[in-house]
Amino acid sequence: MKCAICSKSIDITFLGKILGTYIKDSKGKPHPVCFECQKKFSSKDEILKAIK
């Protein structure tokens, strides 16, 4: 799985969960975001602007 912002590969745990988070846009579509991009952008609004 790749990050929606930087296109870097996100690692997956043995249970199938990603080492990052999903951010939902206004339409409810989830976008995977890595930890590095979460640190760069402090709020959910900034992350959503970077995805688009």
Protein backbone atom coordinates (compact mmCIF):
# COMPACT_ATOMS: atom_id res chain seq x y z
CA MET A 1 0.00 0.00 0.00
CA LYS A 2 1.27 3.49 -0.80
CA CYS A 3 0.85 6.84 0.95
CA ALA A 4 -1.65 9.15 -0.77
CA ILE A 5 0.67 12.16 -0.34
CA CYS A 6 4.26 11.00 -0.91
CA SER A 7 3.63 7.64 -2.65
CA LYS A 8 6.02 5.95 -0.23
CA SER A 9 5.27 2.31 0.59
CA ILE A 10 3.48 1.82 3.93
CA ASP A 11 4.37 -1.30 5.92
CA ILE A 12 1.64 -3.72 6.95
CA THR A 13 1.56 -5.68 10.23
CA PHE A 14 1.01 -9.43 10.37
CA LEU A 15 -2.68 -8.80 11.14
CA GLY A 16 -3.13 -6.79 7.93
CA LYS A 17 -3.20 -3.33 9.52
CA ILE A 18 -1.12 -0.47 8.09
CA LEU A 19 1.56 1.41 10.03
CA GLY A 20 -0.12 4.75 9.45
CA THR A 21 -3.71 5.92 9.31
CA TYR A 22 -6.62 6.40 6.96
CA ILE A 23 -7.94 9.93 6.41
CA LYS A 24 -11.47 10.18 5.00
CA ASP A 25 -12.33 12.98 2.59
CA SER A 26 -15.71 14.76 2.38
CA LYS A 27 -17.15 11.97 0.23
CA GLY A 28 -16.11 9.29 2.75
CA LYS A 29 -13.32 7.76 0.66
CA PRO A 30 -10.38 6.64 2.86
CA HIS A 31 -6.83 7.65 1.89
CA PRO A 32 -3.84 5.91 3.53
CA VAL A 33 -1.26 8.31 5.02
CA CYS A 34 2.16 7.34 6.43
CA PHE A 35 3.58 8.54 9.77
CA GLU A 36 6.09 10.89 8.14
CA CYS A 37 3.34 12.79 6.32
CA GLN A 38 1.28 12.90 9.51
CA LYS A 39 4.20 14.62 11.24
CA LYS A 40 4.63 17.14 8.38
CA PHE A 41 0.98 18.23 8.38
CA SER A 42 -0.45 19.01 11.82
CA SER A 43 -4.19 19.02 11.06
CA LYS A 44 -6.63 16.90 9.09
CA ASP A 45 -7.46 19.87 6.82
CA GLU A 46 -3.80 20.31 5.83
CA ILE A 47 -3.51 16.59 5.04
CA LEU A 48 -6.64 16.67 2.87
CA LYS A 49 -5.30 19.70 0.93
CA ALA A 50 -2.01 17.86 0.32
CA ILE A 51 -3.85 14.79 -1.02
CA LYS A 52 -5.76 16.76 -3.66
